């Protein structure tokens, strides 16, 4: 008697079916709303995503009458500029590629140095510009490099020589009852008007004695009426007749390095080098992976001393001129993460050894690069060793150390 009738049961089932259908409809509408909302958020995020920083900067050209050092135009890389002799740099001597794809600093240019700007010619002389030097055209009654001497007066002692090639007879003419005599360029009148003689002017000693610009980068040789420059062994005289350029014996195959050694060009010569990996010590041993690099063999898991030893040791050789102007950047160390592995989030740089550590400092040039600077000028000839290490850390935990062994060959000359 308490059971539902057939009609009541059918009515209850139909009510349940209607309820489920309504629930299903509302669930589907909710899913569609959520999907639509996610699509909207995704589209707005994609549109607002910041642009990736530029991977490189536009190529830079060397200024006219100057040179450019550096061929990499990637972010955080630097390019340096210098001018040829006789020119001064205007603008930035160093420019760094920024993350936005532009270079720091101003475009450099080389302006010619005016030797006549200080008005060196005296007594009405006219100054003529030359390459790193000047010449004075003097009035008839004056002579000397700056027209500082009266003509037909006794010459300075340094211009007198017993060699007959350095003395000539003057050119004389009778003008209005008066005899007028003159000398060829590079000579000046010695003695009186009646018995004067043209004596060679020693340009080399004049410039040295009067503190003027150097006529020659190395040695000045006086010749009758003029001079010429010479260079030390291992150098060649450039087209300007003044500057000396090092001869690269290595590239010209003029070295005598034996098989197994490598030729390194230096100022005025060359060196034959054969880098060697350090001998095995305890659990630490190395294998040579290239002529200038050694890599540590795998360490036992429990050997802390092995893990603390340098993972790589590289060898570098740098030729330097004597008395190089400081501070001067010499060498850089950087790291890069292997594909698929996180790179270090912190680097530490330091000088690990050498025979003249007081001449150098290490500074960080950016987040992932350290730079070795020469801070005290070096007088050559000499050979100097300095070791620079770089330690990698991840979450303040030591990962690996890399050692760069740098050898500097300092020339005896300033060019």
Protein backbone atom coordinates (compact mmCIF):
# COMPACT_ATOMS: atom_id res chain seq x y z
CA UNK A 1 0.00 0.00 0.00
CA UNK A 2 3.00 2.34 0.60
CA UNK A 3 4.53 1.79 -2.89
CA UNK A 4 4.18 4.42 -5.59
CA UNK A 5 1.83 3.71 -8.41
CA UNK A 6 3.08 3.20 -11.91
CA UNK A 7 1.99 6.69 -12.94
CA UNK A 8 3.70 8.33 -9.94
CA UNK A 9 6.97 6.46 -10.67
CA UNK A 10 6.99 7.54 -14.33
CA UNK A 11 6.37 11.15 -13.30
CA UNK A 12 9.28 11.03 -10.85
CA UNK A 13 11.64 9.62 -13.49
CA UNK A 14 10.64 12.33 -15.97
CA UNK A 15 11.37 14.99 -13.34
CA UNK A 16 14.85 13.50 -12.74
CA UNK A 17 15.55 13.42 -16.51
CA UNK A 18 14.58 17.08 -16.82
CA UNK A 19 16.79 18.01 -13.85
CA UNK A 20 19.81 16.16 -15.31
CA UNK A 21 19.27 17.74 -18.72
CA UNK A 22 19.22 21.21 -17.12
CA UNK A 23 22.37 20.45 -15.13
CA UNK A 24 24.13 19.20 -18.27
CA UNK A 25 23.16 22.35 -20.16
CA UNK A 26 24.41 24.65 -17.40
CA UNK A 27 27.71 22.63 -17.13
CA UNK A 28 28.32 22.91 -20.88
CA UNK A 29 27.66 26.64 -20.81
CA UNK A 30 30.12 26.99 -17.91
CA UNK A 31 32.80 25.10 -19.82
CA UNK A 32 32.28 27.30 -22.86
CA UNK A 33 32.58 30.42 -20.70
CA UNK A 34 35.79 29.22 -19.10
CA UNK A 35 37.27 28.28 -22.50
CA UNK A 36 36.34 31.70 -23.91
CA UNK A 37 37.88 33.46 -20.92
CA UNK A 38 41.14 31.49 -21.25
CA UNK A 39 41.34 32.37 -24.96
CA UNK A 40 40.90 36.06 -24.16
CA UNK A 41 43.63 35.99 -21.48
CA UNK A 42 46.02 34.10 -23.79
CA UNK A 43 45.51 36.62 -26.61
CA UNK A 44 46.10 39.63 -24.33
CA UNK A 45 49.24 38.07 -22.84
CA UNK A 46 50.66 37.20 -26.24
CA UNK A 47 50.10 40.76 -27.47
CA UNK A 48 51.68 42.29 -24.35
CA UNK A 49 54.75 39.99 -24.37
CA UNK A 50 57.94 42.12 -24.31
CA UNK A 51 60.18 42.04 -27.35
CA UNK A 52 63.29 39.94 -26.98
CA UNK A 53 66.46 41.99 -26.62
CA UNK A 54 68.51 42.38 -29.73
CA UNK A 55 71.21 39.72 -30.05
CA UNK A 56 73.69 42.08 -31.71
CA UNK A 57 74.37 45.66 -32.78
CA UNK A 58 75.06 47.12 -36.26
CA UNK A 59 78.58 46.68 -37.57
CA UNK A 60 81.02 49.53 -36.83
CA UNK A 61 83.65 50.85 -39.22
CA UNK A 62 87.11 52.17 -38.41
CA UNK A 63 87.31 55.97 -38.61
CA UNK A 64 89.17 57.53 -41.52
CA UNK A 65 92.88 57.74 -40.63
CA UNK A 66 92.27 55.37 -37.70
CA UNK A 67 91.88 51.74 -36.67
CA UNK A 68 89.21 49.56 -35.06
CA UNK A 69 89.90 46.77 -32.54
CA UNK A 70 87.17 44.17 -32.02
CA UNK A 71 85.11 42.20 -34.53
CA UNK A 72 82.25 40.90 -32.37
CA UNK A 73 79.07 42.96 -32.27
CA UNK A 74 77.13 40.88 -29.71
CA UNK A 75 75.49 42.31 -26.60
CA UNK A 76 78.00 43.34 -23.88
CA UNK A 77 80.94 43.16 -26.32
CA UNK A 78 83.20 46.19 -26.73
CA UNK A 79 84.91 47.73 -29.77
CA UNK A 80 87.93 50.03 -29.36
CA UNK A 81 89.22 52.76 -31.68
CA UNK A 82 92.59 54.52 -32.15
CA UNK A 83 93.96 57.06 -34.63
CA UNK A 84 97.02 56.90 -36.86
CA UNK A 85 100.12 58.95 -35.97
CA UNK A 86 99.50 62.63 -36.56
CA UNK A 87 95.80 62.40 -35.69
CA UNK A 88 93.84 62.69 -32.44
CA UNK A 89 90.64 60.83 -31.55
CA UNK A 90 87.40 62.78 -31.16
CA UNK A 91 84.39 60.89 -29.80
CA UNK A 92 84.41 57.61 -27.90
CA UNK A 93 87.52 55.42 -27.85
CA UNK A 94 85.42 52.46 -26.59
CA UNK A 95 81.81 51.56 -27.46
CA UNK A 96 79.78 48.67 -25.99
CA UNK A 97 76.82 46.86 -27.60
CA UNK A 98 73.69 47.31 -25.44
CA UNK A 99 70.74 44.94 -25.03
CA UNK A 100 68.52 47.28 -27.08
CA UNK A 101 70.74 46.82 -30.14
CA UNK A 102 72.49 50.22 -29.97
CA UNK A 103 76.07 51.20 -29.15
CA UNK A 104 77.13 53.33 -26.20
CA UNK A 105 79.14 56.52 -26.69
CA UNK A 106 79.64 58.73 -29.70
CA UNK A 107 80.88 57.87 -33.19
CA UNK A 108 84.68 58.36 -33.21
CA UNK A 109 86.59 60.36 -35.80
CA UNK A 110 90.26 61.22 -36.27
CA UNK A 111 91.26 64.86 -36.59
CA UNK A 112 94.67 65.90 -37.89
CA UNK A 113 96.96 67.35 -35.22
CA UNK A 114 98.01 70.87 -36.19
CA UNK A 115 101.72 71.31 -35.48
CA UNK A 116 101.51 74.98 -36.48
CA UNK A 117 98.74 75.90 -34.03
CA UNK A 118 101.31 77.01 -31.43
CA UNK A 119 102.96 79.44 -33.93
CA UNK A 120 106.47 77.95 -33.54
CA UNK A 121 108.11 80.07 -36.26
CA UNK A 122 109.79 83.21 -34.93
CA UNK A 123 110.82 86.51 -36.53
CA UNK A 124 108.20 86.48 -39.27
CA UNK A 125 108.72 82.87 -40.39
CA UNK A 126 105.92 80.95 -42.15
CA UNK A 127 104.91 77.55 -40.72
CA UNK A 128 104.25 74.60 -43.07
CA UNK A 129 102.46 71.50 -41.80
CA UNK A 130 104.09 68.07 -42.10
CA UNK A 131 103.31 64.56 -40.84
CA UNK A 132 103.87 64.92 -37.07
CA UNK A 133 106.29 67.79 -37.66
CA UNK A 134 106.43 71.30 -39.06
CA UNK A 135 108.83 73.36 -41.16
CA UNK A 136 109.49 77.10 -41.00
CA UNK A 137 110.11 79.20 -44.11
CA UNK A 138 112.32 82.02 -42.79
CA UNK A 139 112.86 85.60 -44.06
CA UNK A 140 116.27 86.14 -45.76
CA UNK A 141 117.95 87.51 -42.63
CA UNK A 142 116.88 84.61 -40.35
CA UNK A 143 117.68 80.89 -40.23
CA UNK A 144 117.20 77.83 -37.98
CA UNK A 145 114.32 75.38 -37.53
CA UNK A 146 112.16 78.10 -35.96
CA UNK A 147 113.90 81.12 -37.58
CA UNK A 148 115.62 81.78 -34.26
CA UNK A 149 119.11 82.59 -35.61
CA UNK A 150 120.26 85.62 -37.60
CA UNK A 151 121.84 84.66 -40.92
CA UNK A 152 125.62 84.85 -41.37
CA UNK A 153 126.30 84.38 -37.67
CA UNK A 154 128.41 81.67 -36.09
CA UNK A 155 126.55 78.33 -36.22
CA UNK A 156 125.78 76.24 -33.13
CA UNK A 157 128.59 73.82 -32.27
CA UNK A 158 126.46 70.75 -33.05
CA UNK A 159 126.20 71.66 -36.75
CA UNK A 160 129.93 71.79 -37.40
CA UNK A 161 131.54 68.70 -38.94
CA UNK A 162 134.87 67.97 -40.59
CA UNK A 163 133.24 65.89 -43.34
CA UNK A 164 133.48 67.95 -46.57
CA UNK A 165 130.11 66.54 -47.72
CA UNK A 166 128.48 68.58 -44.95
CA UNK A 167 129.89 71.92 -46.23
CA UNK A 168 129.10 73.70 -49.49
CA UNK A 169 129.93 76.97 -51.14
CA UNK A 170 127.10 79.52 -50.96
CA UNK A 171 125.31 80.88 -54.02
CA UNK A 172 126.17 84.55 -54.30
CA UNK A 173 125.01 87.40 -56.55
CA UNK A 174 125.97 91.06 -56.86
CA UNK A 175 122.92 93.23 -56.28
CA UNK A 176 123.19 97.05 -56.18
CA UNK A 177 126.86 97.16 -55.22
CA UNK A 178 126.19 94.50 -52.52
CA UNK A 179 126.99 90.81 -52.59
CA UNK A 180 124.05 88.63 -51.47
CA UNK A 181 124.72 84.96 -50.59
CA UNK A 182 122.32 82.12 -49.77
CA UNK A 183 122.44 78.41 -48.92
CA UNK A 184 120.52 75.33 -50.10
CA UNK A 185 117.69 73.98 -47.90
CA UNK A 186 119.13 72.04 -44.96
CA UNK A 187 122.24 74.30 -44.77
CA UNK A 188 122.87 77.61 -43.03
CA UNK A 189 125.47 80.33 -43.48
CA UNK A 190 128.60 80.10 -41.33
CA UNK A 191 131.15 82.87 -41.12
CA UNK A 192 131.09 86.42 -42.53
CA UNK A 193 129.61 87.64 -45.78
CA UNK A 194 133.05 87.80 -47.43
CA UNK A 195 134.22 84.27 -46.59
CA UNK A 196 131.02 82.49 -45.53
CA UNK A 197 130.35 78.80 -46.11
CA UNK A 198 127.12 76.79 -46.07
CA UNK A 199 127.22 74.33 -43.19
CA UNK A 200 124.83 71.37 -42.84
CA UNK A 201 122.10 71.74 -40.22
CA UNK A 202 121.90 68.60 -38.03
CA UNK A 203 118.13 68.20 -37.87
CA UNK A 204 118.37 65.20 -35.55
CA UNK A 205 120.14 67.14 -32.79
CA UNK A 206 118.16 70.35 -33.32
CA UNK A 207 114.88 68.60 -32.60
CA UNK A 208 116.39 66.63 -29.72
CA UNK A 209 117.97 69.73 -28.16
CA UNK A 210 114.98 72.05 -28.56
CA UNK A 211 112.39 69.58 -27.31
CA UNK A 212 110.40 69.55 -30.54
CA UNK A 213 108.41 66.61 -31.91
CA UNK A 214 110.44 63.47 -32.56
CA UNK A 215 111.58 63.21 -36.15
CA UNK A 216 111.88 59.42 -35.97
CA UNK A 217 110.19 56.69 -33.98
CA UNK A 218 113.58 55.02 -33.37
CA UNK A 219 116.85 56.44 -34.72
CA UNK A 220 117.55 59.64 -36.67
CA UNK A 221 120.53 59.70 -39.06
CA UNK A 222 121.81 63.08 -40.22
CA UNK A 223 122.79 63.34 -43.90
CA UNK A 224 123.99 66.39 -45.88
CA UNK A 225 121.07 68.80 -46.17
CA UNK A 226 118.53 66.42 -44.60
CA UNK A 227 118.05 63.31 -42.44
CA UNK A 228 116.53 59.84 -42.59
CA UNK A 229 115.09 57.42 -40.03
CA UNK A 230 116.11 53.86 -39.28
CA UNK A 231 114.44 51.03 -37.34
CA UNK A 232 115.89 48.30 -35.09
CA UNK A 233 116.27 44.70 -36.20
CA UNK A 234 112.92 42.95 -36.56
CA UNK A 235 111.13 46.12 -37.71
CA UNK A 236 110.58 47.78 -41.08
CA UNK A 237 110.30 51.52 -41.83
CA UNK A 238 106.80 52.56 -42.92
CA UNK A 239 105.91 54.76 -45.86
CA UNK A 240 105.81 57.93 -43.74
CA UNK A 241 109.60 57.62 -43.38
CA UNK A 242 109.33 57.89 -39.60
CA UNK A 243 107.35 55.03 -38.03
CA UNK A 244 108.51 51.45 -37.46
CA UNK A 245 106.32 48.37 -37.87
CA UNK A 246 107.05 44.95 -36.45
CA UNK A 247 107.85 42.14 -38.89
CA UNK A 248 105.61 39.11 -38.26
CA UNK A 249 108.15 36.32 -38.60
CA UNK A 250 105.52 33.68 -37.76
CA UNK A 251 103.13 34.50 -40.61
CA UNK A 252 106.07 34.91 -43.01
CA UNK A 253 107.53 31.52 -41.96
CA UNK A 254 110.78 33.20 -40.95
CA UNK A 255 110.91 31.41 -37.59
CA UNK A 256 112.94 28.35 -36.62
CA UNK A 257 110.38 26.74 -34.29
CA UNK A 258 110.59 22.95 -34.26
CA UNK A 259 107.70 20.57 -34.80
CA UNK A 260 105.49 20.41 -31.73
CA UNK A 261 106.10 24.03 -30.74
CA UNK A 262 104.13 27.12 -31.81
CA UNK A 263 105.53 30.42 -33.07
CA UNK A 264 104.33 33.54 -31.22
CA UNK A 265 105.17 36.87 -32.87
CA UNK A 266 106.66 39.48 -30.52
CA UNK A 267 107.94 43.03 -30.92
CA UNK A 268 111.10 42.74 -33.01
CA UNK A 269 111.21 38.94 -32.98
CA UNK A 270 109.36 35.75 -32.10
CA UNK A 271 109.10 33.08 -29.39
CA UNK A 272 108.66 29.31 -29.75
CA UNK A 273 106.28 28.02 -27.07
CA UNK A 274 105.16 24.52 -26.06
CA UNK A 275 102.45 24.72 -23.37
CA UNK A 276 102.41 21.72 -21.01
CA UNK A 277 99.65 20.44 -18.73
CA UNK A 278 100.61 20.23 -15.04
CA UNK A 279 101.75 16.77 -13.86
CA UNK A 280 99.26 14.50 -12.06
CA UNK A 281 98.99 15.11 -8.32
CA UNK A 282 96.80 12.85 -6.17
CA UNK A 283 93.40 12.50 -7.83
CA UNK A 284 93.99 15.53 -10.10
CA UNK A 285 95.26 14.93 -13.62
CA UNK A 286 94.86 16.73 -16.94
CA UNK A 287 94.72 15.88 -20.63
CA UNK A 288 95.65 18.24 -23.47
CA UNK A 289 92.56 18.88 -25.63
CA UNK A 290 94.14 21.54 -27.90
CA UNK A 291 97.60 23.14 -28.32
CA UNK A 292 96.64 25.83 -25.79
CA UNK A 293 94.18 24.11 -23.42
CA UNK A 294 94.14 21.31 -20.85
CA UNK A 295 91.03 19.76 -19.29
CA UNK A 296 90.81 17.94 -15.96
CA UNK A 297 90.02 14.24 -16.02
CA UNK A 298 86.81 13.14 -14.20
CA UNK A 299 87.11 13.33 -10.42
CA UNK A 300 86.15 10.62 -7.91
CA UNK A 301 82.89 11.63 -6.24
CA UNK A 302 84.45 11.79 -2.76
CA UNK A 303 87.55 13.85 -3.78
CA UNK A 304 86.92 17.44 -2.70
CA UNK A 305 90.45 18.55 -3.65
CA UNK A 306 89.91 17.30 -7.22
CA UNK A 307 86.62 19.19 -7.61
CA UNK A 308 88.27 22.37 -6.28
CA UNK A 309 91.13 22.15 -8.83
CA UNK A 310 90.76 24.08 -12.12
CA UNK A 311 88.44 22.31 -14.56
CA UNK A 312 90.25 23.88 -17.54
CA UNK A 313 93.70 25.46 -17.92
CA UNK A 314 94.28 27.68 -20.97
CA UNK A 315 97.50 29.33 -22.20
CA UNK A 316 97.66 32.80 -23.75
CA UNK A 317 100.58 34.83 -25.16
CA UNK A 318 100.44 38.61 -25.61
CA UNK A 319 103.12 40.86 -27.18
CA UNK A 320 103.23 44.36 -25.64
CA UNK A 321 105.20 47.53 -26.47
CA UNK A 322 107.38 49.04 -23.79
CA UNK A 323 105.88 51.77 -21.54
CA UNK A 324 102.32 51.07 -22.67
CA UNK A 325 99.97 53.80 -21.45
CA UNK A 326 97.86 52.61 -18.51
CA UNK A 327 95.25 51.56 -17.56
CA UNK A 328 95.16 49.16 -20.51
CA UNK A 329 92.78 46.16 -20.88
CA UNK A 330 94.80 43.04 -21.75
CA UNK A 331 92.59 39.98 -21.40
CA UNK A 332 88.99 38.91 -20.74
CA UNK A 333 87.40 35.81 -19.22
CA UNK A 334 83.75 34.83 -19.68
CA UNK A 335 81.55 31.74 -19.34
CA UNK A 336 78.66 30.24 -21.26
CA UNK A 337 76.18 27.57 -20.17
CA UNK A 338 76.14 24.23 -21.97
CA UNK A 339 72.94 23.55 -23.96
CA UNK A 340 70.21 22.21 -21.70
CA UNK A 341 72.10 22.97 -18.49
CA UNK A 342 71.67 26.04 -16.25
CA UNK A 343 74.65 28.36 -16.29
CA UNK A 344 76.27 29.89 -13.20
CA UNK A 345 74.41 32.77 -11.60
CA UNK A 346 77.58 34.21 -10.05
CA UNK A 347 81.23 34.49 -11.09
CA UNK A 348 84.33 35.43 -9.11
CA UNK A 349 87.57 36.56 -10.73
CA UNK A 350 91.03 36.88 -9.23
CA UNK A 351 94.80 36.85 -9.85
CA UNK A 352 96.04 33.40 -8.86
CA UNK A 353 99.78 33.82 -9.41
CA UNK A 354 102.60 35.25 -11.51
CA UNK A 355 105.94 37.04 -11.19
CA UNK A 356 104.67 40.65 -11.29
CA UNK A 357 101.20 40.66 -9.76
CA UNK A 358 101.45 44.28 -8.57
CA UNK A 359 101.20 45.53 -12.15
CA UNK A 360 97.71 44.08 -12.71
CA UNK A 361 94.15 44.18 -11.38
CA UNK A 362 91.07 42.16 -12.32
CA UNK A 363 87.71 43.90 -12.60
CA UNK A 364 84.23 42.81 -13.69
CA UNK A 365 83.23 44.40 -17.01
CA UNK A 366 79.70 42.92 -17.00
CA UNK A 367 77.71 40.20 -15.21
CA UNK A 368 79.46 37.34 -17.00
CA UNK A 369 82.84 38.86 -17.95
CA UNK A 370 86.03 39.69 -16.05
CA UNK A 371 88.86 41.85 -17.40
CA UNK A 372 92.59 41.88 -16.65
CA UNK A 373 93.97 45.45 -16.61
CA UNK A 374 97.56 46.65 -16.73
CA UNK A 375 97.75 49.47 -14.15
CA UNK A 376 101.53 50.03 -13.94
CA UNK A 377 103.54 50.61 -17.10
CA UNK A 378 106.13 47.96 -18.03
CA UNK A 379 109.63 48.71 -19.29
CA UNK A 380 110.99 46.11 -21.72
CA UNK A 381 112.54 43.91 -22.76
CA UNK A 382 111.13 41.42 -20.26
CA UNK A 383 108.78 38.45 -20.01
CA UNK A 384 106.03 38.47 -17.38
CA UNK A 385 103.64 35.72 -16.28
CA UNK A 386 100.26 36.28 -14.63
CA UNK A 387 97.56 33.67 -13.81
CA UNK A 388 93.89 34.67 -13.73
CA UNK A 389 91.16 32.35 -12.42
CA UNK A 390 87.38 32.40 -12.73
CA UNK A 391 85.13 30.49 -10.28
CA UNK A 392 81.51 29.61 -11.10
CA UNK A 393 78.75 29.51 -8.47
CA UNK A 394 75.11 28.42 -8.69
CA UNK A 395 72.83 29.34 -5.77
CA UNK A 396 76.03 30.27 -3.86
CA UNK A 397 77.39 26.75 -4.31
CA UNK A 398 80.81 26.34 -5.97
CA UNK A 399 80.55 24.67 -9.38
CA UNK A 400 83.92 24.87 -11.19
CA UNK A 401 87.10 26.90 -11.60
CA UNK A 402 88.91 27.87 -14.82
CA UNK A 403 92.54 29.05 -14.96
CA UNK A 404 94.11 31.24 -17.67
CA UNK A 405 97.93 31.33 -17.71
CA UNK A 406 98.98 34.53 -19.51
CA UNK A 407 102.52 35.29 -20.73
CA UNK A 408 103.40 38.87 -21.73
CA UNK A 409 106.37 39.50 -24.04
CA UNK A 410 107.28 43.17 -23.45
CA UNK A 411 109.29 44.70 -26.29
CA UNK A 412 112.35 46.89 -25.78
CA UNK A 413 110.67 49.62 -27.84
CA UNK A 414 107.59 51.79 -27.48
CA UNK A 415 106.17 50.75 -30.87
